[in-house]
Amino acid sequence: MLKKIEDLNYYELLEVSPRATSQEIHKAYERIRKIYDPNSIALYSLFSPDETEKIRQRVEEAYRTLIYEENRRMYDLSLRDYLDELPPQEQPPARPVSATPVQPSHPSSVPPASPPMPSPAAYAAPAPAAPAPVPPPPVAALPVQPPPQDIAEFSGTVLRMLREQRGMTIQNVADTTKLSARYLECIEEENFAKLPARPYLRGFLVNYAKALGYEPDRIAADFLKRYDAFKNPPKK
């Protein structure tokens, strides 16, 4: 059973490994913060403004805990049962004891004793030896039209085909919908075990279909039938 957002630990919330570096945590924080931006079109049908604000506050708390070494060490101790169940290669390394833990603060009030938040430049990756390829630009959502009539069922494979026919990449759709590219990949691969609860998934499918320029009702209905069949297999 998938966890509710409020039941996720800080690593799960930021979608990082317990072995993640400070740079990886910072990048994950920036990405998750954009996903839960109050103006995100992907959230209007999923969460109320109050729910969105609570999630954003928890994301801030997770970041302030994991970005500081001593806070993270103390937090790892509180997650001992969870971490012990992970494969050895995913378990965090031993963290040395250092200064007094920095108390995470509410994003609107940082106590004077707290060290300043690290700037993005502090975790910037070193410049590559050769210029990195320029990513495709975001693609605006297309005018909505009925989905093709000759498609019997809208599976993940069909959605990938429709996206490629539009000349769009996963990142194009992620930029347009503000959804995580990881979730979009799980939709196309029908990795149902890693997809969110049904109401959230329907919102993701609606936004995905609109980004492709198709009226979403049948697309969402077809995909959710496959999702329901996975979650509730027939009894033998």
C-alpha atoms as a PDB file:
ATOM      1  CA  MET A   1       0.000   0.000   0.000  1.00  0.00           C
ATOM      2  CA  LEU A   2       1.355   3.404  -0.960  1.00  0.00           C
ATOM      3  CA  LYS A   3       1.947   5.825   1.868  1.00  0.00           C
ATOM      4  CA  LYS A   4       0.124   9.096   2.258  1.00  0.00           C
ATOM      5  CA  ILE A   5       2.286  12.193   1.853  1.00  0.00           C
ATOM      6  CA  GLU A   6       2.107  12.943   5.578  1.00  0.00           C
ATOM      7  CA  ASP A   7       3.401   9.429   6.359  1.00  0.00           C
ATOM      8  CA  LEU A   8       6.500   9.678   4.159  1.00  0.00           C
ATOM      9  CA  ASN A   9       9.831  10.110   5.887  1.00  0.00           C
ATOM     10  CA  TYR A  10      12.079  12.975   4.780  1.00  0.00           C
ATOM     11  CA  TYR A  11      14.061  10.858   2.314  1.00  0.00           C
ATOM     12  CA  GLU A  12      10.871   9.557   0.699  1.00  0.00           C
ATOM     13  CA  LEU A  13       9.346  13.041   0.648  1.00  0.00           C
ATOM     14  CA  LEU A  14      12.329  14.518  -1.217  1.00  0.00           C
ATOM     15  CA  GLU A  15      12.688  11.331  -3.305  1.00  0.00           C
ATOM     16  CA  VAL A  16      16.358  10.843  -2.426  1.00  0.00           C
ATOM     17  CA  SER A  17      18.408   7.910  -1.174  1.00  0.00           C
ATOM     18  CA  PRO A  18      19.628   7.888   2.449  1.00  0.00           C
ATOM     19  CA  ARG A  19      23.103   7.952   0.860  1.00  0.00           C
ATOM     20  CA  ALA A  20      22.352  11.159  -1.069  1.00  0.00           C
ATOM     21  CA  THR A  21      24.971  13.902  -0.955  1.00  0.00           C
ATOM     22  CA  SER A  22      24.210  17.467   0.129  1.00  0.00           C
ATOM     23  CA  GLN A  23      24.249  18.503  -3.526  1.00  0.00           C
ATOM     24  CA  GLU A  24      21.709  15.808  -4.435  1.00  0.00           C
ATOM     25  CA  ILE A  25      19.469  16.818  -1.516  1.00  0.00           C
ATOM     26  CA  HIS A  26      19.584  20.449  -2.582  1.00  0.00           C
ATOM     27  CA  LYS A  27      18.662  19.588  -6.184  1.00  0.00           C
ATOM     28  CA  ALA A  28      15.822  17.342  -5.003  1.00  0.00           C
ATOM     29  CA  TYR A  29      14.529  20.086  -2.701  1.00  0.00           C
ATOM     30  CA  GLU A  30      14.446  22.623  -5.555  1.00  0.00           C
ATOM     31  CA  ARG A  31      12.560  20.159  -7.773  1.00  0.00           C
ATOM     32  CA  ILE A  32       9.997  19.138  -5.121  1.00  0.00           C
ATOM     33  CA  ARG A  33       9.433  22.762  -4.110  1.00  0.00           C
ATOM     34  CA  LYS A  34       8.497  23.594  -7.724  1.00  0.00           C
ATOM     35  CA  ILE A  35       6.105  20.635  -7.888  1.00  0.00           C
ATOM     36  CA  TYR A  36       4.228  21.889  -4.814  1.00  0.00           C
ATOM     37  CA  ASP A  37       4.254  25.537  -5.849  1.00  0.00           C
ATOM     38  CA  PRO A  38       0.831  27.067  -4.993  1.00  0.00           C
ATOM     39  CA  ASN A  39       0.460  28.178  -8.637  1.00  0.00           C
ATOM     40  CA  SER A  40       1.149  24.710 -10.089  1.00  0.00           C
ATOM     41  CA  ILE A  41      -1.584  23.616 -12.506  1.00  0.00           C
ATOM     42  CA  ALA A  42      -0.915  20.020 -11.469  1.00  0.00           C
ATOM     43  CA  LEU A  43      -2.149  20.636  -7.901  1.00  0.00           C
ATOM     44  CA  TYR A  44      -5.383  22.562  -8.323  1.00  0.00           C
ATOM     45  CA  SER A  45      -7.493  19.393  -8.539  1.00  0.00           C
ATOM     46  CA  LEU A  46      -5.490  17.411  -5.964  1.00  0.00           C
ATOM     47  CA  PHE A  47      -4.980  19.567  -2.870  1.00  0.00           C
ATOM     48  CA  SER A  48      -6.645  22.529  -1.228  1.00  0.00           C
ATOM     49  CA  PRO A  49      -4.503  25.648  -0.609  1.00  0.00           C
ATOM     50  CA  ASP A  50      -4.211  24.678   3.089  1.00  0.00           C
ATOM     51  CA  GLU A  51      -3.079  21.141   2.200  1.00  0.00           C
ATOM     52  CA  THR A  52      -0.544  22.475  -0.286  1.00  0.00           C
ATOM     53  CA  GLU A  53       0.868  24.858   2.327  1.00  0.00           C
ATOM     54  CA  LYS A  54       1.216  22.037   4.876  1.00  0.00           C
ATOM     55  CA  ILE A  55       3.085  19.923   2.324  1.00  0.00           C
ATOM     56  CA  ARG A  56       5.388  22.835   1.478  1.00  0.00           C
ATOM     57  CA  GLN A  57       6.140  23.383   5.175  1.00  0.00           C
ATOM     58  CA  ARG A  58       7.007  19.698   5.561  1.00  0.00           C
ATOM     59  CA  VAL A  59       9.281  19.861   2.512  1.00  0.00           C
ATOM     60  CA  GLU A  60      11.067  22.842   4.086  1.00  0.00           C
ATOM     61  CA  GLU A  61      11.429  20.940   7.362  1.00  0.00           C
ATOM     62  CA  ALA A  62      12.809  17.896   5.525  1.00  0.00           C
ATOM     63  CA  TYR A  63      15.373  20.039   3.729  1.00  0.00           C
ATOM     64  CA  ARG A  64      16.517  21.840   6.874  1.00  0.00           C
ATOM     65  CA  THR A  65      16.961  18.479   8.595  1.00  0.00           C
ATOM     66  CA  LEU A  66      18.820  16.603   5.857  1.00  0.00           C
ATOM     67  CA  ILE A  67      21.048  19.444   4.634  1.00  0.00           C
ATOM     68  CA  TYR A  68      22.765  19.884   8.039  1.00  0.00           C
ATOM     69  CA  GLU A  69      25.069  16.997   8.933  1.00  0.00           C
ATOM     70  CA  GLU A  70      24.311  16.796  12.655  1.00  0.00           C
ATOM     71  CA  ASN A  71      20.551  17.178  12.176  1.00  0.00           C
ATOM     72  CA  ARG A  72      20.684  14.426   9.586  1.00  0.00           C
ATOM     73  CA  ARG A  73      22.668  12.128  11.873  1.00  0.00           C
ATOM     74  CA  MET A  74      20.090  12.536  14.634  1.00  0.00           C
ATOM     75  CA  TYR A  75      17.243  11.994  12.171  1.00  0.00           C
ATOM     76  CA  ASP A  76      18.873   8.799  10.856  1.00  0.00           C
ATOM     77  CA  LEU A  77      18.918   7.467  14.424  1.00  0.00           C
ATOM     78  CA  SER A  78      15.155   7.999  14.624  1.00  0.00           C
ATOM     79  CA  LEU A  79      14.741   6.035  11.351  1.00  0.00           C
ATOM     80  CA  ARG A  80      16.809   3.071  12.461  1.00  0.00           C
ATOM     81  CA  ASP A  81      14.090   0.480  11.751  1.00  0.00           C
ATOM     82  CA  TYR A  82      13.450   1.890   8.260  1.00  0.00           C
ATOM     83  CA  LEU A  83      17.146   2.160   7.375  1.00  0.00           C
ATOM     84  CA  ASP A  84      17.997  -1.321   8.691  1.00  0.00           C
ATOM     85  CA  GLU A  85      15.535  -2.836   6.196  1.00  0.00           C
ATOM     86  CA  LEU A  86      17.290  -1.251   3.209  1.00  0.00           C
ATOM     87  CA  PRO A  87      19.874  -3.172   1.157  1.00  0.00           C
ATOM     88  CA  PRO A  88      23.435  -2.514   2.411  1.00  0.00           C
ATOM     89  CA  GLN A  89      24.283  -0.445  -0.671  1.00  0.00           C
ATOM     90  CA  GLU A  90      21.396   1.960   0.102  1.00  0.00           C
ATOM     91  CA  GLN A  91      22.067   2.434   3.818  1.00  0.00           C
ATOM     92  CA  PRO A  92      23.653   5.737   4.854  1.00  0.00           C
ATOM     93  CA  PRO A  93      27.312   5.826   5.923  1.00  0.00           C
ATOM     94  CA  ALA A  94      28.219   6.392   9.568  1.00  0.00           C
ATOM     95  CA  ARG A  95      28.021  10.093  10.352  1.00  0.00           C
ATOM     96  CA  PRO A  96      30.451  11.601  12.893  1.00  0.00           C
ATOM     97  CA  VAL A  97      29.108  13.419  15.930  1.00  0.00           C
ATOM     98  CA  SER A  98      29.724  17.152  15.672  1.00  0.00           C
ATOM     99  CA  ALA A  99      28.146  20.300  17.028  1.00  0.00           C
ATOM    100  CA  THR A 100      24.781  20.740  18.714  1.00  0.00           C
ATOM    101  CA  PRO A 101      21.974  19.941  16.260  1.00  0.00           C
ATOM    102  CA  VAL A 102      20.475  22.883  14.401  1.00  0.00           C
ATOM    103  CA  GLN A 103      16.778  23.001  15.178  1.00  0.00           C
ATOM    104  CA  PRO A 104      14.648  22.966  12.008  1.00  0.00           C
ATOM    105  CA  SER A 105      12.492  26.058  11.845  1.00  0.00           C
ATOM    106  CA  HIS A 106       9.190  27.042  10.300  1.00  0.00           C
ATOM    107  CA  PRO A 107       9.982  28.593   6.917  1.00  0.00           C
ATOM    108  CA  SER A 108       8.590  31.954   8.057  1.00  0.00           C
ATOM    109  CA  SER A 109      10.741  32.254  11.194  1.00  0.00           C
ATOM    110  CA  VAL A 110      14.411  31.302  11.330  1.00  0.00           C
ATOM    111  CA  PRO A 111      15.886  31.565  14.863  1.00  0.00           C
ATOM    112  CA  PRO A 112      19.049  33.666  15.203  1.00  0.00           C
ATOM    113  CA  ALA A 113      21.086  30.625  16.293  1.00  0.00           C
ATOM    114  CA  SER A 114      20.381  28.746  13.053  1.00  0.00           C
ATOM    115  CA  PRO A 115      23.137  28.892  10.439  1.00  0.00           C
ATOM    116  CA  PRO A 116      22.147  30.553   7.168  1.00  0.00           C
ATOM    117  CA  MET A 117      20.588  28.383   4.507  1.00  0.00           C
ATOM    118  CA  PRO A 118      23.184  27.246   1.973  1.00  0.00           C
ATOM    119  CA  SER A 119      22.896  29.088  -1.311  1.00  0.00           C
ATOM    120  CA  PRO A 120      22.504  27.123  -4.561  1.00  0.00           C
ATOM    121  CA  ALA A 121      26.044  28.202  -5.461  1.00  0.00           C
ATOM    122  CA  ALA A 122      27.366  26.350  -2.413  1.00  0.00           C
ATOM    123  CA  TYR A 123      26.322  23.053  -3.969  1.00  0.00           C
ATOM    124  CA  ALA A 124      26.882  23.902  -7.609  1.00  0.00           C
ATOM    125  CA  ALA A 125      28.473  21.086  -9.571  1.00  0.00           C
ATOM    126  CA  PRO A 126      31.906  21.811 -11.035  1.00  0.00           C
ATOM    127  CA  ALA A 127      31.884  23.071 -14.588  1.00  0.00           C
ATOM    128  CA  PRO A 128      32.061  20.178 -17.085  1.00  0.00           C
ATOM    129  CA  ALA A 129      35.059  19.839 -19.336  1.00  0.00           C
ATOM    130  CA  ALA A 130      32.815  20.012 -22.396  1.00  0.00           C
ATOM    131  CA  PRO A 131      29.574  21.982 -22.878  1.00  0.00           C
ATOM    132  CA  ALA A 132      26.549  20.030 -21.708  1.00  0.00           C
ATOM    133  CA  PRO A 133      23.823  19.414 -24.304  1.00  0.00           C
ATOM    134  CA  VAL A 134      21.037  21.986 -24.231  1.00  0.00           C
ATOM    135  CA  PRO A 135      17.787  20.381 -22.973  1.00  0.00           C
ATOM    136  CA  PRO A 136      14.666  20.698 -25.128  1.00  0.00           C
ATOM    137  CA  PRO A 137      12.604  23.802 -24.291  1.00  0.00           C
ATOM    138  CA  PRO A 138       9.293  23.427 -22.416  1.00  0.00           C
ATOM    139  CA  VAL A 139       6.317  22.723 -24.649  1.00  0.00           C
ATOM    140  CA  ALA A 140       3.053  24.550 -24.001  1.00  0.00           C
ATOM    141  CA  ALA A 141      -0.112  22.472 -23.606  1.00  0.00           C
ATOM    142  CA  LEU A 142      -1.805  21.916 -26.970  1.00  0.00           C
ATOM    143  CA  PRO A 143      -5.440  22.727 -27.824  1.00  0.00           C
ATOM    144  CA  VAL A 144      -7.615  19.929 -26.435  1.00  0.00           C
ATOM    145  CA  GLN A 145      -9.186  17.557 -28.967  1.00  0.00           C
ATOM    146  CA  PRO A 146     -10.827  14.107 -28.730  1.00  0.00           C
ATOM    147  CA  PRO A 147      -8.367  11.196 -28.538  1.00  0.00           C
ATOM    148  CA  PRO A 148      -7.898   9.064 -31.679  1.00  0.00           C
ATOM    149  CA  GLN A 149     -10.916   6.827 -32.284  1.00  0.00           C
ATOM    150  CA  ASP A 150      -8.909   3.897 -33.657  1.00  0.00           C
ATOM    151  CA  ILE A 151      -7.202   3.177 -30.317  1.00  0.00           C
ATOM    152  CA  ALA A 152      -8.903   0.328 -28.470  1.00  0.00           C
ATOM    153  CA  GLU A 153      -7.438   1.132 -25.034  1.00  0.00           C
ATOM    154  CA  PHE A 154      -5.167   3.851 -23.692  1.00  0.00           C
ATOM    155  CA  SER A 155      -2.357   1.961 -21.971  1.00  0.00           C
ATOM    156  CA  GLY A 156       1.001   3.317 -20.864  1.00  0.00           C
ATOM    157  CA  THR A 157       2.544   2.153 -24.131  1.00  0.00           C
ATOM    158  CA  VAL A 158      -0.105   4.039 -26.127  1.00  0.00           C
ATOM    159  CA  LEU A 159       0.496   7.201 -24.102  1.00  0.00           C
ATOM    160  CA  ARG A 160       4.208   6.966 -24.864  1.00  0.00           C
ATOM    161  CA  MET A 161       3.388   6.545 -28.570  1.00  0.00           C
ATOM    162  CA  LEU A 162       1.100   9.599 -28.545  1.00  0.00           C
ATOM    163  CA  ARG A 163       3.763  11.654 -26.776  1.00  0.00           C
ATOM    164  CA  GLU A 164       6.422  10.669 -29.289  1.00  0.00           C
ATOM    165  CA  GLN A 165       4.048  11.432 -32.165  1.00  0.00           C
ATOM    166  CA  ARG A 166       3.744  14.944 -30.736  1.00  0.00           C
ATOM    167  CA  GLY A 167       7.541  15.207 -30.753  1.00  0.00           C
ATOM    168  CA  MET A 168       7.584  15.678 -26.967  1.00  0.00           C
ATOM    169  CA  THR A 169      10.035  14.270 -24.440  1.00  0.00           C
ATOM    170  CA  ILE A 170       9.220  13.191 -20.880  1.00  0.00           C
ATOM    171  CA  GLN A 171      10.909  16.394 -19.707  1.00  0.00           C
ATOM    172  CA  ASN A 172       8.714  18.482 -22.047  1.00  0.00           C
ATOM    173  CA  VAL A 173       5.604  17.013 -20.403  1.00  0.00           C
ATOM    174  CA  ALA A 174       7.103  17.430 -16.910  1.00  0.00           C
ATOM    175  CA  ASP A 175       7.852  21.114 -17.605  1.00  0.00           C
ATOM    176  CA  THR A 176       4.340  21.695 -18.967  1.00  0.00           C
ATOM    177  CA  THR A 177       2.436  19.897 -16.189  1.00  0.00           C
ATOM    178  CA  LYS A 178       4.880  20.484 -13.283  1.00  0.00           C
ATOM    179  CA  LEU A 179       4.640  16.754 -12.585  1.00  0.00           C
ATOM    180  CA  SER A 180       7.648  14.681 -11.625  1.00  0.00           C
ATOM    181  CA  ALA A 181       9.324  13.055 -14.651  1.00  0.00           C
ATOM    182  CA  ARG A 182       9.659   9.975 -12.458  1.00  0.00           C
ATOM    183  CA  TYR A 183       5.867   9.643 -12.168  1.00  0.00           C
ATOM    184  CA  LEU A 184       5.399  10.217 -15.901  1.00  0.00           C
ATOM    185  CA  GLU A 185       7.852   7.406 -16.625  1.00  0.00           C
ATOM    186  CA  CYS A 186       5.977   5.123 -14.202  1.00  0.00           C
ATOM    187  CA  ILE A 187       2.716   5.912 -16.027  1.00  0.00           C
ATOM    188  CA  GLU A 188       4.188   5.030 -19.421  1.00  0.00           C
ATOM    189  CA  GLU A 189       5.853   1.887 -18.038  1.00  0.00           C
ATOM    190  CA  GLU A 190       2.690   0.971 -16.086  1.00  0.00           C
ATOM    191  CA  ASN A 191       4.780   0.650 -12.945  1.00  0.00           C
ATOM    192  CA  PHE A 192       1.593   0.691 -10.876  1.00  0.00           C
ATOM    193  CA  ALA A 193       3.350  -0.142  -7.600  1.00  0.00           C
ATOM    194  CA  LYS A 194       5.201   3.178  -7.701  1.00  0.00           C
ATOM    195  CA  LEU A 195       2.237   5.340  -8.712  1.00  0.00           C
ATOM    196  CA  PRO A 196       0.287   7.389  -6.128  1.00  0.00           C
ATOM    197  CA  ALA A 197      -3.197   6.698  -4.801  1.00  0.00           C
ATOM    198  CA  ARG A 198      -6.056   6.612  -7.328  1.00  0.00           C
ATOM    199  CA  PRO A 199      -7.407  10.174  -6.820  1.00  0.00           C
ATOM    200  CA  TYR A 200      -3.916  11.646  -7.232  1.00  0.00           C
ATOM    201  CA  LEU A 201      -3.182   9.424 -10.223  1.00  0.00           C
ATOM    202  CA  ARG A 202      -6.340  10.575 -11.981  1.00  0.00           C
ATOM    203  CA  GLY A 203      -5.215  14.185 -11.581  1.00  0.00           C
ATOM    204  CA  PHE A 204      -1.817  13.274 -13.037  1.00  0.00           C
ATOM    205  CA  LEU A 205      -3.460  11.542 -16.024  1.00  0.00           C
ATOM    206  CA  VAL A 206      -5.762  14.503 -16.674  1.00  0.00           C
ATOM    207  CA  ASN A 207      -2.838  16.909 -16.773  1.00  0.00           C
ATOM    208  CA  TYR A 208      -0.752  14.514 -18.876  1.00  0.00           C
ATOM    209  CA  ALA A 209      -3.547  14.126 -21.443  1.00  0.00           C
ATOM    210  CA  LYS A 210      -4.071  17.894 -21.639  1.00  0.00           C
ATOM    211  CA  ALA A 211      -0.330  18.424 -22.150  1.00  0.00           C
ATOM    212  CA  LEU A 212      -0.590  16.090 -25.160  1.00  0.00           C
ATOM    213  CA  GLY A 213      -3.614  18.044 -26.402  1.00  0.00           C
ATOM    214  CA  TYR A 214      -6.245  15.360 -25.825  1.00  0.00           C
ATOM    215  CA  GLU A 215      -9.530  15.442 -23.942  1.00  0.00           C
ATOM    216  CA  PRO A 216      -8.639  13.466 -20.817  1.00  0.00           C
ATOM    217  CA  ASP A 217     -11.768  11.606 -19.676  1.00  0.00           C
ATOM    218  CA  ARG A 218     -11.414   8.445 -21.785  1.00  0.00           C
ATOM    219  CA  ILE A 219      -7.631   8.363 -21.452  1.00  0.00           C
ATOM    220  CA  ALA A 220      -7.866   8.561 -17.655  1.00  0.00           C
ATOM    221  CA  ALA A 221     -10.735   6.034 -17.508  1.00  0.00           C
ATOM    222  CA  ASP A 222      -8.878   3.448 -19.630  1.00  0.00           C
ATOM    223  CA  PHE A 223      -5.640   3.754 -17.681  1.00  0.00           C
ATOM    224  CA  LEU A 224      -7.389   3.620 -14.301  1.00  0.00           C
ATOM    225  CA  LYS A 225      -9.101   0.354 -15.314  1.00  0.00           C
ATOM    226  CA  ARG A 226      -5.663  -1.174 -15.784  1.00  0.00           C
ATOM    227  CA  TYR A 227      -4.505   0.361 -12.483  1.00  0.00           C
ATOM    228  CA  ASP A 228      -7.567  -1.064 -10.667  1.00  0.00           C
ATOM    229  CA  ALA A 229      -6.971  -4.512 -12.165  1.00  0.00           C
ATOM    230  CA  PHE A 230      -3.423  -4.450 -10.794  1.00  0.00           C
ATOM    231  CA  LYS A 231      -4.508  -3.270  -7.344  1.00  0.00           C
ATOM    232  CA  ASN A 232      -7.450  -5.697  -7.124  1.00  0.00           C
ATOM    233  CA  PRO A 233      -6.543  -8.879  -9.039  1.00  0.00           C
ATOM    234  CA  PRO A 234      -9.321 -11.466  -9.428  1.00  0.00           C
ATOM    235  CA  LYS A 235      -9.402 -14.004  -6.627  1.00  0.00           C
ATOM    236  CA  LYS A 236      -8.539 -17.562  -7.594  1.00  0.00           C
END
